Amino acid sequence: MAPSLDGLVLAPVADRSAGQVGTRTRFAYHEQDGAIWAEYRGGDIVRGHLVGTHAGDRLDFRYVQLRTDGSTACGHCVSTVVELPDGRVRLEETWEWESGPGSGTSVVEQVVAHAP
């Protein structure tokens, strides 16, 4: 069974085109009884939300976001949860916009706060 995402903060490992998530975007995940949800913001995203399910090592969710230019977008994503050798979590994602054309892949990884 893949680790729980509850309480984890994840960030993309690479930037995407304008209007999409980038390395400055942070996802704050929550999980309970197979349900997942997250709030995200940063970079070109003012506010975003996702909601879906976590079964085994698979996430299946829908997302909606407000961009800095005032536009909105929504889509669908399926991710594989991978535990990295250092114990952090990586999500290997395949996504598609539902509000317009476009699809792709991305990777987000757990952000670990460093002690001062």
PDB file of N, CA and C in Angstrom:
ATOM      1  N   MET A   1       0.846  -1.187   0.000  1.00  0.00           N
ATOM      2  CA  MET A   1       0.000   0.000   0.000  1.00  0.00           C
ATOM      3  C   MET A   1       0.882   1.237   0.000  1.00  0.00           C
ATOM      4  N   ALA A   2       0.536   2.184  -0.853  1.00  0.00           N
ATOM      5  CA  ALA A   2       1.278   3.441  -0.927  1.00  0.00           C
ATOM      6  C   ALA A   2       1.045   4.251   0.343  1.00  0.00           C
ATOM      7  N   PRO A   3       1.999   5.088   0.698  1.00  0.00           N
ATOM      8  CA  PRO A   3       1.856   5.902   1.907  1.00  0.00           C
ATOM      9  C   PRO A   3       0.713   6.908   1.787  1.00  0.00           C
ATOM     10  N   SER A   4       0.177   7.309   2.921  1.00  0.00           N
ATOM     11  CA  SER A   4      -0.874   8.330   2.963  1.00  0.00           C
ATOM     12  C   SER A   4      -0.300   9.675   2.552  1.00  0.00           C
ATOM     13  N   LEU A   5      -1.110  10.480   1.909  1.00  0.00           N
ATOM     14  CA  LEU A   5      -0.706  11.830   1.525  1.00  0.00           C
ATOM     15  C   LEU A   5      -1.140  12.863   2.554  1.00  0.00           C
ATOM     16  N   ASP A   6      -1.853  12.427   3.579  1.00  0.00           N
ATOM     17  CA  ASP A   6      -2.413  13.362   4.544  1.00  0.00           C
ATOM     18  C   ASP A   6      -1.328  14.202   5.204  1.00  0.00           C
ATOM     19  N   GLY A   7      -1.472  15.517   5.102  1.00  0.00           N
ATOM     20  CA  GLY A   7      -0.541  16.441   5.721  1.00  0.00           C
ATOM     21  C   GLY A   7       0.717  16.730   4.916  1.00  0.00           C
ATOM     22  N   LEU A   8       0.862  16.122   3.741  1.00  0.00           N
ATOM     23  CA  LEU A   8       2.063  16.341   2.934  1.00  0.00           C
ATOM     24  C   LEU A   8       1.919  17.570   2.043  1.00  0.00           C
ATOM     25  N   VAL A   9       3.036  18.227   1.785  1.00  0.00           N
ATOM     26  CA  VAL A   9       3.114  19.329   0.825  1.00  0.00           C
ATOM     27  C   VAL A   9       3.994  18.853  -0.321  1.00  0.00           C
ATOM     28  N   LEU A  10       3.484  18.992  -1.540  1.00  0.00           N
ATOM     29  CA  LEU A  10       4.218  18.567  -2.723  1.00  0.00           C
ATOM     30  C   LEU A  10       4.376  19.737  -3.684  1.00  0.00           C
ATOM     31  N   ALA A  11       5.407  19.679  -4.529  1.00  0.00           N
ATOM     32  CA  ALA A  11       5.676  20.720  -5.515  1.00  0.00           C
ATOM     33  C   ALA A  11       6.164  20.081  -6.815  1.00  0.00           C
ATOM     34  N   PRO A  12       5.841  20.694  -7.952  1.00  0.00           N
ATOM     35  CA  PRO A  12       6.346  20.197  -9.235  1.00  0.00           C
ATOM     36  C   PRO A  12       7.870  20.263  -9.291  1.00  0.00           C
ATOM     37  N   VAL A  13       8.473  19.336 -10.010  1.00  0.00           N
ATOM     38  CA  VAL A  13       9.927  19.327 -10.161  1.00  0.00           C
ATOM     39  C   VAL A  13      10.362  20.149 -11.374  1.00  0.00           C
ATOM     40  N   ALA A  14       9.408  20.542 -12.246  1.00  0.00           N
ATOM     41  CA  ALA A  14       9.728  21.350 -13.425  1.00  0.00           C
ATOM     42  C   ALA A  14       8.586  22.309 -13.705  1.00  0.00           C
ATOM     43  N   ASP A  15       8.904  23.415 -14.355  1.00  0.00           N
ATOM     44  CA  ASP A  15       7.885  24.388 -14.744  1.00  0.00           C
ATOM     45  C   ASP A  15       7.158  23.928 -15.991  1.00  0.00           C
ATOM     46  N   ARG A  16       5.906  24.342 -16.097  1.00  0.00           N
ATOM     47  CA  ARG A  16       5.081  24.114 -17.284  1.00  0.00           C
ATOM     48  C   ARG A  16       4.873  25.454 -17.965  1.00  0.00           C
ATOM     49  N   SER A  17       4.087  25.474 -19.028  1.00  0.00           N
ATOM     50  CA  SER A  17       3.800  26.726 -19.714  1.00  0.00           C
ATOM     51  C   SER A  17       2.978  27.649 -18.825  1.00  0.00           C
ATOM     52  N   ALA A  18       2.952  28.919 -19.171  1.00  0.00           N
ATOM     53  CA  ALA A  18       2.222  29.922 -18.388  1.00  0.00           C
ATOM     54  C   ALA A  18       0.776  29.491 -18.184  1.00  0.00           C
ATOM     55  N   GLY A  19       0.240  29.790 -16.996  1.00  0.00           N
ATOM     56  CA  GLY A  19      -1.140  29.444 -16.683  1.00  0.00           C
ATOM     57  C   GLY A  19      -1.289  28.080 -16.064  1.00  0.00           C
ATOM     58  N   GLN A  20      -0.187  27.367 -15.927  1.00  0.00           N
ATOM     59  CA  GLN A  20      -0.231  26.051 -15.325  1.00  0.00           C
ATOM     60  C   GLN A  20       0.631  26.056 -14.065  1.00  0.00           C
ATOM     61  N   VAL A  21       0.604  24.952 -13.369  1.00  0.00           N
ATOM     62  CA  VAL A  21       1.422  24.854 -12.156  1.00  0.00           C
ATOM     63  C   VAL A  21       2.897  24.878 -12.522  1.00  0.00           C
ATOM     64  N   GLY A  22       3.715  25.349 -11.587  1.00  0.00           N
ATOM     65  CA  GLY A  22       5.158  25.410 -11.795  1.00  0.00           C
ATOM     66  C   GLY A  22       5.875  25.131 -10.491  1.00  0.00           C
ATOM     67  N   THR A  23       7.175  25.286 -10.490  1.00  0.00           N
ATOM     68  CA  THR A  23       7.974  24.940  -9.321  1.00  0.00           C
ATOM     69  C   THR A  23       7.637  25.798  -8.101  1.00  0.00           C
ATOM     70  N   ARG A  24       6.975  26.944  -8.292  1.00  0.00           N
ATOM     71  CA  ARG A  24       6.573  27.772  -7.153  1.00  0.00           C
ATOM     72  C   ARG A  24       5.187  27.392  -6.617  1.00  0.00           C
ATOM     73  N   THR A  25       4.512  26.455  -7.272  1.00  0.00           N
ATOM     74  CA  THR A  25       3.193  25.998  -6.833  1.00  0.00           C
ATOM     75  C   THR A  25       3.356  24.967  -5.724  1.00  0.00           C
ATOM     76  N   ARG A  26       2.543  25.071  -4.687  1.00  0.00           N
ATOM     77  CA  ARG A  26       2.564  24.120  -3.572  1.00  0.00           C
ATOM     78  C   ARG A  26       1.182  23.498  -3.406  1.00  0.00           C
ATOM     79  N   PHE A  27       1.163  22.175  -3.252  1.00  0.00           N
ATOM     80  CA  PHE A  27      -0.055  21.407  -3.049  1.00  0.00           C
ATOM     81  C   PHE A  27      -0.075  20.910  -1.610  1.00  0.00           C
ATOM     82  N   ALA A  28      -1.104  21.251  -0.855  1.00  0.00           N
ATOM     83  CA  ALA A  28      -1.262  20.772   0.522  1.00  0.00           C
ATOM     84  C   ALA A  28      -2.328  19.676   0.505  1.00  0.00           C
ATOM     85  N   TYR A  29      -1.894  18.432   0.683  1.00  0.00           N
ATOM     86  CA  TYR A  29      -2.772  17.267   0.561  1.00  0.00           C
ATOM     87  C   TYR A  29      -3.412  16.863   1.883  1.00  0.00           C
ATOM     88  N   HIS A  30      -4.604  16.285   1.745  1.00  0.00           N
ATOM     89  CA  HIS A  30      -5.352  15.707   2.856  1.00  0.00           C
ATOM     90  C   HIS A  30      -5.872  14.359   2.369  1.00  0.00           C
ATOM     91  N   GLU A  31      -6.042  13.429   3.309  1.00  0.00           N
ATOM     92  CA  GLU A  31      -6.554  12.107   2.941  1.00  0.00           C
ATOM     93  C   GLU A  31      -7.299  11.501   4.107  1.00  0.00           C
ATOM     94  N   GLN A  32      -8.426  10.870   3.785  1.00  0.00           N
ATOM     95  CA  GLN A  32      -9.196  10.150   4.802  1.00  0.00           C
ATOM     96  C   GLN A  32     -10.043   9.088   4.122  1.00  0.00           C
ATOM     97  N   ASP A  33      -9.909   7.847   4.561  1.00  0.00           N
ATOM     98  CA  ASP A  33     -10.735   6.732   4.090  1.00  0.00           C
ATOM     99  C   ASP A  33     -10.777   6.608   2.571  1.00  0.00           C
ATOM    100  N   GLY A  34      -9.624   6.759   1.917  1.00  0.00           N
ATOM    101  CA  GLY A  34      -9.548   6.603   0.475  1.00  0.00           C
ATOM    102  C   GLY A  34      -9.891   7.846  -0.322  1.00  0.00           C
ATOM    103  N   ALA A  35     -10.346   8.887   0.340  1.00  0.00           N
ATOM    104  CA  ALA A  35     -10.626  10.164  -0.336  1.00  0.00           C
ATOM    105  C   ALA A  35      -9.404  11.072  -0.192  1.00  0.00           C
ATOM    106  N   ILE A  36      -9.072  11.800  -1.261  1.00  0.00           N
ATOM    107  CA  ILE A  36      -7.992  12.783  -1.204  1.00  0.00           C
ATOM    108  C   ILE A  36      -8.530  14.134  -1.645  1.00  0.00           C
ATOM    109  N   TRP A  37      -7.932  15.181  -1.129  1.00  0.00           N
ATOM    110  CA  TRP A  37      -8.229  16.530  -1.584  1.00  0.00           C
ATOM    111  C   TRP A  37      -7.012  17.381  -1.270  1.00  0.00           C
ATOM    112  N   ALA A  38      -6.894  18.481  -2.005  1.00  0.00           N
ATOM    113  CA  ALA A  38      -5.751  19.368  -1.793  1.00  0.00           C
ATOM    114  C   ALA A  38      -6.122  20.777  -2.215  1.00  0.00           C
ATOM    115  N   GLU A  39      -5.445  21.721  -1.593  1.00  0.00           N
ATOM    116  CA  GLU A  39      -5.495  23.106  -2.006  1.00  0.00           C
ATOM    117  C   GLU A  39      -4.125  23.409  -2.599  1.00  0.00           C
ATOM    118  N   TYR A  40      -4.101  24.222  -3.639  1.00  0.00           N
ATOM    119  CA  TYR A  40      -2.803  24.591  -4.194  1.00  0.00           C
ATOM    120  C   TYR A  40      -2.810  26.035  -4.676  1.00  0.00           C
ATOM    121  N   ARG A  41      -1.606  26.624  -4.691  1.00  0.00           N
ATOM    122  CA  ARG A  41      -1.414  28.003  -5.144  1.00  0.00           C
ATOM    123  C   ARG A  41       0.071  28.236  -5.375  1.00  0.00           C
ATOM    124  N   GLY A  42       0.342  29.335  -6.051  1.00  0.00           N
ATOM    125  CA  GLY A  42       1.722  29.721  -6.311  1.00  0.00           C
ATOM    126  C   GLY A  42       2.012  29.799  -7.792  1.00  0.00           C
ATOM    127  N   GLY A  43       2.972  30.663  -8.154  1.00  0.00           N
ATOM    128  CA  GLY A  43       3.276  30.859  -9.566  1.00  0.00           C
ATOM    129  C   GLY A  43       2.090  31.510 -10.257  1.00  0.00           C
ATOM    130  N   ASP A  44       1.621  30.927 -11.349  1.00  0.00           N
ATOM    131  CA  ASP A  44       0.494  31.462 -12.110  1.00  0.00           C
ATOM    132  C   ASP A  44      -0.868  31.083 -11.532  1.00  0.00           C
ATOM    133  N   ILE A  45      -0.884  30.349 -10.419  1.00  0.00           N
ATOM    134  CA  ILE A  45      -2.133  29.878  -9.830  1.00  0.00           C
ATOM    135  C   ILE A  45      -2.447  30.684  -8.572  1.00  0.00           C
ATOM    136  N   VAL A  46      -3.601  31.363  -8.583  1.00  0.00           N
ATOM    137  CA  VAL A  46      -4.062  32.115  -7.410  1.00  0.00           C
ATOM    138  C   VAL A  46      -4.640  31.153  -6.380  1.00  0.00           C
ATOM    139  N   ARG A  47      -5.469  30.234  -6.852  1.00  0.00           N
ATOM    140  CA  ARG A  47      -6.104  29.252  -5.975  1.00  0.00           C
ATOM    141  C   ARG A  47      -6.526  28.059  -6.811  1.00  0.00           C
ATOM    142  N   GLY A  48      -6.255  26.861  -6.281  1.00  0.00           N
ATOM    143  CA  GLY A  48      -6.676  25.646  -6.947  1.00  0.00           C
ATOM    144  C   GLY A  48      -7.137  24.622  -5.936  1.00  0.00           C
ATOM    145  N   HIS A  49      -8.006  23.729  -6.375  1.00  0.00           N
ATOM    146  CA  HIS A  49      -8.512  22.656  -5.529  1.00  0.00           C
ATOM    147  C   HIS A  49      -8.555  21.376  -6.346  1.00  0.00           C
ATOM    148  N   LEU A  50      -8.283  20.265  -5.688  1.00  0.00           N
ATOM    149  CA  LEU A  50      -8.464  18.969  -6.325  1.00  0.00           C
ATOM    150  C   LEU A  50      -9.169  18.040  -5.347  1.00  0.00           C
ATOM    151  N   VAL A  51      -9.906  17.077  -5.906  1.00  0.00           N
ATOM    152  CA  VAL A  51     -10.619  16.101  -5.090  1.00  0.00           C
ATOM    153  C   VAL A  51     -10.715  14.793  -5.867  1.00  0.00           C
ATOM    154  N   GLY A  52     -10.529  13.679  -5.141  1.00  0.00           N
ATOM    155  CA  GLY A  52     -10.602  12.392  -5.801  1.00  0.00           C
ATOM    156  C   GLY A  52     -10.387  11.241  -4.845  1.00  0.00           C
ATOM    157  N   THR A  53      -9.840  10.157  -5.389  1.00  0.00           N
ATOM    158  CA  THR A  53      -9.674   8.934  -4.601  1.00  0.00           C
ATOM    159  C   THR A  53      -8.223   8.449  -4.639  1.00  0.00           C
ATOM    160  N   HIS A  54      -7.874   7.683  -3.599  1.00  0.00           N
ATOM    161  CA  HIS A  54      -6.556   7.049  -3.489  1.00  0.00           C
ATOM    162  C   HIS A  54      -6.803   5.571  -3.209  1.00  0.00           C
ATOM    163  N   ALA A  55      -6.433   4.726  -4.162  1.00  0.00           N
ATOM    164  CA  ALA A  55      -6.576   3.273  -4.004  1.00  0.00           C
ATOM    165  C   ALA A  55      -5.266   2.622  -4.406  1.00  0.00           C
ATOM    166  N   GLY A  56      -4.645   1.904  -3.476  1.00  0.00           N
ATOM    167  CA  GLY A  56      -3.342   1.301  -3.755  1.00  0.00           C
ATOM    168  C   GLY A  56      -2.325   2.391  -4.022  1.00  0.00           C
ATOM    169  N   ASP A  57      -1.637   2.305  -5.169  1.00  0.00           N
ATOM    170  CA  ASP A  57      -0.659   3.336  -5.508  1.00  0.00           C
ATOM    171  C   ASP A  57      -1.200   4.306  -6.563  1.00  0.00           C
ATOM    172  N   ARG A  58      -2.534   4.370  -6.696  1.00  0.00           N
ATOM    173  CA  ARG A  58      -3.160   5.177  -7.744  1.00  0.00           C
ATOM    174  C   ARG A  58      -4.055   6.272  -7.166  1.00  0.00           C
ATOM    175  N   LEU A  59      -3.873   7.481  -7.684  1.00  0.00           N
ATOM    176  CA  LEU A  59      -4.776   8.598  -7.397  1.00  0.00           C
ATOM    177  C   LEU A  59      -5.581   8.885  -8.657  1.00  0.00           C
ATOM    178  N   ASP A  60      -6.842   9.228  -8.488  1.00  0.00           N
ATOM    179  CA  ASP A  60      -7.703   9.618  -9.595  1.00  0.00           C
ATOM    180  C   ASP A  60      -8.484  10.828  -9.118  1.00  0.00           C
ATOM    181  N   PHE A  61      -8.250  11.994  -9.726  1.00  0.00           N
ATOM    182  CA  PHE A  61      -8.907  13.202  -9.223  1.00  0.00           C
ATOM    183  C   PHE A  61      -9.211  14.206 -10.322  1.00  0.00           C
ATOM    184  N   ARG A  62     -10.109  15.130  -9.989  1.00  0.00           N
ATOM    185  CA  ARG A  62     -10.429  16.281 -10.813  1.00  0.00           C
ATOM    186  C   ARG A  62      -9.843  17.506 -10.135  1.00  0.00           C
ATOM    187  N   TYR A  63      -9.467  18.506 -10.933  1.00  0.00           N
ATOM    188  CA  TYR A  63      -8.916  19.742 -10.379  1.00  0.00           C
ATOM    189  C   TYR A  63      -9.560  20.946 -11.059  1.00  0.00           C
ATOM    190  N   VAL A  64      -9.573  22.062 -10.332  1.00  0.00           N
ATOM    191  CA  VAL A  64     -10.082  23.336 -10.842  1.00  0.00           C
ATOM    192  C   VAL A  64      -9.187  24.437 -10.285  1.00  0.00           C
ATOM    193  N   GLN A  65      -8.912  25.450 -11.108  1.00  0.00           N
ATOM    194  CA  GLN A  65      -7.989  26.483 -10.649  1.00  0.00           C
ATOM    195  C   GLN A  65      -8.341  27.853 -11.216  1.00  0.00           C
ATOM    196  N   LEU A  66      -7.949  28.886 -10.460  1.00  0.00           N
ATOM    197  CA  LEU A  66      -8.052  30.283 -10.860  1.00  0.00           C
ATOM    198  C   LEU A  66      -6.633  30.768 -11.113  1.00  0.00           C
ATOM    199  N   ARG A  67      -6.406  31.340 -12.280  1.00  0.00           N
ATOM    200  CA  ARG A  67      -5.071  31.802 -12.661  1.00  0.00           C
ATOM    201  C   ARG A  67      -4.915  33.302 -12.395  1.00  0.00           C
ATOM    202  N   THR A  68      -3.671  33.760 -12.377  1.00  0.00           N
ATOM    203  CA  THR A  68      -3.395  35.177 -12.115  1.00  0.00           C
ATOM    204  C   THR A  68      -3.990  36.091 -13.177  1.00  0.00           C
ATOM    205  N   ASP A  69      -4.228  35.582 -14.379  1.00  0.00           N
ATOM    206  CA  ASP A  69      -4.829  36.413 -15.430  1.00  0.00           C
ATOM    207  C   ASP A  69      -6.354  36.459 -15.333  1.00  0.00           C
ATOM    208  N   GLY A  70      -6.930  35.823 -14.290  1.00  0.00           N
ATOM    209  CA  GLY A  70      -8.375  35.824 -14.082  1.00  0.00           C
ATOM    210  C   GLY A  70      -9.108  34.692 -14.761  1.00  0.00           C
ATOM    211  N   SER A  71      -8.424  33.878 -15.544  1.00  0.00           N
ATOM    212  CA  SER A  71      -9.083  32.751 -16.209  1.00  0.00           C
ATOM    213  C   SER A  71      -9.185  31.562 -15.252  1.00  0.00           C
ATOM    214  N   THR A  72     -10.087  30.658 -15.575  1.00  0.00           N
ATOM    215  CA  THR A  72     -10.242  29.427 -14.804  1.00  0.00           C
ATOM    216  C   THR A  72     -10.020  28.238 -15.730  1.00  0.00           C
ATOM    217  N   ALA A  73      -9.706  27.108 -15.129  1.00  0.00           N
ATOM    218  CA  ALA A  73      -9.496  25.888 -15.898  1.00  0.00           C
ATOM    219  C   ALA A  73      -9.798  24.691 -15.011  1.00  0.00           C
ATOM    220  N   CYS A  74     -10.160  23.564 -15.646  1.00  0.00           N
ATOM    221  CA  CYS A  74     -10.401  22.338 -14.897  1.00  0.00           C
ATOM    222  C   CYS A  74      -9.922  21.154 -15.718  1.00  0.00           C
ATOM    223  N   GLY A  75      -9.688  20.050 -15.007  1.00  0.00           N
ATOM    224  CA  GLY A  75      -9.206  18.869 -15.698  1.00  0.00           C
ATOM    225  C   GLY A  75      -9.250  17.627 -14.843  1.00  0.00           C
ATOM    226  N   HIS A  76      -8.677  16.565 -15.386  1.00  0.00           N
ATOM    227  CA  HIS A  76      -8.663  15.246 -14.762  1.00  0.00           C
ATOM    228  C   HIS A  76      -7.221  14.752 -14.722  1.00  0.00           C
ATOM    229  N   CYS A  77      -6.859  14.072 -13.636  1.00  0.00           N
ATOM    230  CA  CYS A  77      -5.494  13.570 -13.478  1.00  0.00           C
ATOM    231  C   CYS A  77      -5.516  12.182 -12.844  1.00  0.00           C
ATOM    232  N   VAL A  78      -4.655  11.311 -13.334  1.00  0.00           N
ATOM    233  CA  VAL A  78      -4.409  10.007 -12.726  1.00  0.00           C
ATOM    234  C   VAL A  78      -2.920   9.971 -12.390  1.00  0.00           C
ATOM    235  N   SER A  79      -2.607   9.631 -11.139  1.00  0.00           N
ATOM    236  CA  SER A  79      -1.223   9.643 -10.671  1.00  0.00           C
ATOM    237  C   SER A  79      -0.852   8.312 -10.052  1.00  0.00           C
ATOM    238  N   THR A  80       0.427   7.986 -10.162  1.00  0.00           N
ATOM    239  CA  THR A  80       0.992   6.837  -9.463  1.00  0.00           C
ATOM    240  C   THR A  80       1.830   7.367  -8.307  1.00  0.00           C
ATOM    241  N   VAL A  81       1.580   6.826  -7.111  1.00  0.00           N
ATOM    242  CA  VAL A  81       2.317   7.225  -5.915  1.00  0.00           C
ATOM    243  C   VAL A  81       3.569   6.360  -5.822  1.00  0.00           C
ATOM    244  N   VAL A  82       4.736   7.013  -5.709  1.00  0.00           N
ATOM    245  CA  VAL A  82       6.019   6.322  -5.621  1.00  0.00           C
ATOM    246  C   VAL A  82       6.714   6.798  -4.351  1.00  0.00           C
ATOM    247  N   GLU A  83       7.248   5.856  -3.577  1.00  0.00           N
ATOM    248  CA  GLU A  83       8.046   6.229  -2.416  1.00  0.00           C
ATOM    249  C   GLU A  83       9.507   6.286  -2.850  1.00  0.00           C
ATOM    250  N   LEU A  84      10.124   7.457  -2.675  1.00  0.00           N
ATOM    251  CA  LEU A  84      11.518   7.658  -3.063  1.00  0.00           C
ATOM    252  C   LEU A  84      12.461   7.003  -2.058  1.00  0.00           C
ATOM    253  N   PRO A  85      13.697   6.715  -2.451  1.00  0.00           N
ATOM    254  CA  PRO A  85      14.655   6.079  -1.540  1.00  0.00           C
ATOM    255  C   PRO A  85      14.861   6.851  -0.235  1.00  0.00           C
ATOM    256  N   ASP A  86      14.699   8.183  -0.271  1.00  0.00           N
ATOM    257  CA  ASP A  86      14.878   8.983   0.948  1.00  0.00           C
ATOM    258  C   ASP A  86      13.608   9.067   1.800  1.00  0.00           C
ATOM    259  N   GLY A  87      12.556   8.318   1.389  1.00  0.00           N
ATOM    260  CA  GLY A  87      11.313   8.273   2.157  1.00  0.00           C
ATOM    261  C   GLY A  87      10.262   9.289   1.732  1.00  0.00           C
ATOM    262  N   ARG A  88      10.645  10.247   0.871  1.00  0.00           N
ATOM    263  CA  ARG A  88       9.663  11.215   0.388  1.00  0.00           C
ATOM    264  C   ARG A  88       8.735  10.564  -0.635  1.00  0.00           C
ATOM    265  N   VAL A  89       7.631  11.264  -0.937  1.00  0.00           N
ATOM    266  CA  VAL A  89       6.636  10.769  -1.881  1.00  0.00           C
ATOM    267  C   VAL A  89       6.755  11.528  -3.199  1.00  0.00           C
ATOM    268  N   ARG A  90       6.632  10.796  -4.289  1.00  0.00           N
ATOM    269  CA  ARG A  90       6.575  11.373  -5.635  1.00  0.00           C
ATOM    270  C   ARG A  90       5.263  10.944  -6.269  1.00  0.00           C
ATOM    271  N   LEU A  91       4.636  11.848  -7.010  1.00  0.00           N
ATOM    272  CA  LEU A  91       3.467  11.522  -7.817  1.00  0.00           C
ATOM    273  C   LEU A  91       3.848  11.659  -9.279  1.00  0.00           C
ATOM    274  N   GLU A  92       3.696  10.590 -10.033  1.00  0.00           N
ATOM    275  CA  GLU A  92       3.941  10.601 -11.475  1.00  0.00           C
ATOM    276  C   GLU A  92       2.573  10.712 -12.137  1.00  0.00           C
ATOM    277  N   GLU A  93       2.328  11.858 -12.779  1.00  0.00           N
ATOM    278  CA  GLU A  93       0.972  12.241 -13.174  1.00  0.00           C
ATOM    279  C   GLU A  93       0.765  12.236 -14.688  1.00  0.00           C
ATOM    280  N   THR A  94      -0.430  11.828 -15.069  1.00  0.00           N
ATOM    281  CA  THR A  94      -0.915  11.960 -16.437  1.00  0.00           C
ATOM    282  C   THR A  94      -2.208  12.757 -16.345  1.00  0.00           C
ATOM    283  N   TRP A  95      -2.262  13.917 -17.008  1.00  0.00           N
ATOM    284  CA  TRP A  95      -3.394  14.819 -16.852  1.00  0.00           C
ATOM    285  C   TRP A  95      -3.934  15.257 -18.212  1.00  0.00           C
ATOM    286  N   GLU A  96      -5.166  15.750 -18.159  1.00  0.00           N
ATOM    287  CA  GLU A  96      -5.793  16.310 -19.356  1.00  0.00           C
ATOM    288  C   GLU A  96      -6.746  17.419 -18.939  1.00  0.00           C
ATOM    289  N   TRP A  97      -6.730  18.497 -19.707  1.00  0.00           N
ATOM    290  CA  TRP A  97      -7.669  19.583 -19.457  1.00  0.00           C
ATOM    291  C   TRP A  97      -9.057  19.135 -19.897  1.00  0.00           C
ATOM    292  N   GLU A  98     -10.073  19.519 -19.144  1.00  0.00           N
ATOM    293  CA  GLU A  98     -11.460  19.291 -19.553  1.00  0.00           C
ATOM    294  C   GLU A  98     -12.099  20.606 -19.990  1.00  0.00           C
ATOM    295  N   SER A  99     -11.468  21.723 -19.634  1.00  0.00           N
ATOM    296  CA  SER A  99     -11.990  23.043 -19.977  1.00  0.00           C
ATOM    297  C   SER A  99     -11.431  23.551 -21.307  1.00  0.00           C
ATOM    298  N   GLY A 100     -10.569  22.785 -21.931  1.00  0.00           N
ATOM    299  CA  GLY A 100      -9.958  23.181 -23.192  1.00  0.00           C
ATOM    300  C   GLY A 100      -9.037  22.087 -23.671  1.00  0.00           C
ATOM    301  N   PRO A 101      -8.363  22.306 -24.790  1.00  0.00           N
ATOM    302  CA  PRO A 101      -7.464  21.277 -25.317  1.00  0.00           C
ATOM    303  C   PRO A 101      -6.186  21.175 -24.503  1.00  0.00           C
ATOM    304  N   GLY A 102      -5.595  20.003 -24.502  1.00  0.00           N
ATOM    305  CA  GLY A 102      -4.297  19.816 -23.881  1.00  0.00           C
ATOM    306  C   GLY A 102      -4.250  18.658 -22.912  1.00  0.00           C
ATOM    307  N   SER A 103      -3.089  18.020 -22.869  1.00  0.00           N
ATOM    308  CA  SER A 103      -2.836  16.917 -21.951  1.00  0.00           C
ATOM    309  C   SER A 103      -1.326  16.797 -21.791  1.00  0.00           C
ATOM    310  N   GLY A 104      -0.905  16.006 -20.802  1.00  0.00           N
ATOM    311  CA  GLY A 104       0.523  15.837 -20.611  1.00  0.00           C
ATOM    312  C   GLY A 104       0.844  15.005 -19.393  1.00  0.00           C
ATOM    313  N   THR A 105       2.101  15.058 -19.019  1.00  0.00           N
ATOM    314  CA  THR A 105       2.570  14.359 -17.832  1.00  0.00           C
ATOM    315  C   THR A 105       3.354  15.342 -16.979  1.00  0.00           C
ATOM    316  N   SER A 106       3.429  15.057 -15.697  1.00  0.00           N
ATOM    317  CA  SER A 106       4.199  15.890 -14.777  1.00  0.00           C
ATOM    318  C   SER A 106       4.609  15.046 -13.578  1.00  0.00           C
ATOM    319  N   VAL A 107       5.526  15.590 -12.799  1.00  0.00           N
ATOM    320  CA  VAL A 107       5.995  14.933 -11.583  1.00  0.00           C
ATOM    321  C   VAL A 107       5.988  15.963 -10.468  1.00  0.00           C
ATOM    322  N   VAL A 108       5.397  15.585  -9.334  1.00  0.00           N
ATOM    323  CA  VAL A 108       5.470  16.424  -8.124  1.00  0.00           C
ATOM    324  C   VAL A 108       6.101  15.582  -7.027  1.00  0.00           C
ATOM    325  N   GLU A 109       6.867  16.244  -6.159  1.00  0.00           N
ATOM    326  CA  GLU A 109       7.536  15.539  -5.076  1.00  0.00           C
ATOM    327  C   GLU A 109       7.302  16.249  -3.753  1.00  0.00           C
ATOM    328  N   GLN A 110       7.342  15.462  -2.702  1.00  0.00           N
ATOM    329  CA  GLN A 110       7.153  15.977  -1.352  1.00  0.00           C
ATOM    330  C   GLN A 110       8.227  16.991  -1.013  1.00  0.00           C
ATOM    331  N   VAL A 111       7.787  18.115  -0.435  1.00  0.00           N
ATOM    332  CA  VAL A 111       8.680  19.167   0.028  1.00  0.00           C
ATOM    333  C   VAL A 111       8.899  18.930   1.509  1.00  0.00           C
ATOM    334  N   VAL A 112      10.154  18.889   1.924  1.00  0.00           N
ATOM    335  CA  VAL A 112      10.478  18.679   3.327  1.00  0.00           C
ATOM    336  C   VAL A 112      11.018  19.987   3.888  1.00  0.00           C
ATOM    337  N   ALA A 113      10.401  20.458   4.986  1.00  0.00           N
ATOM    338  CA  ALA A 113      10.868  21.685   5.628  1.00  0.00           C
ATOM    339  C   ALA A 113      12.223  21.422   6.276  1.00  0.00           C
ATOM    340  N   HIS A 114      13.133  22.340   6.072  1.00  0.00           N
ATOM    341  CA  HIS A 114      14.464  22.206   6.651  1.00  0.00           C
ATOM    342  C   HIS A 114      14.518  22.932   7.992  1.00  0.00           C
ATOM    343  N   ALA A 115      15.200  22.351   8.937  1.00  0.00           N
ATOM    344  CA  ALA A 115      15.362  22.986  10.258  1.00  0.00           C
ATOM    345  C   ALA A 115      16.238  24.223  10.098  1.00  0.00           C
ATOM    346  N   PRO A 116      15.970  25.277  10.881  1.00  0.00           N
ATOM    347  CA  PRO A 116      16.769  26.515  10.762  1.00  0.00           C
ATOM    348  C   PRO A 116      18.199  26.313  11.201  1.00  0.00           C
TER     349      PRO A 116
END
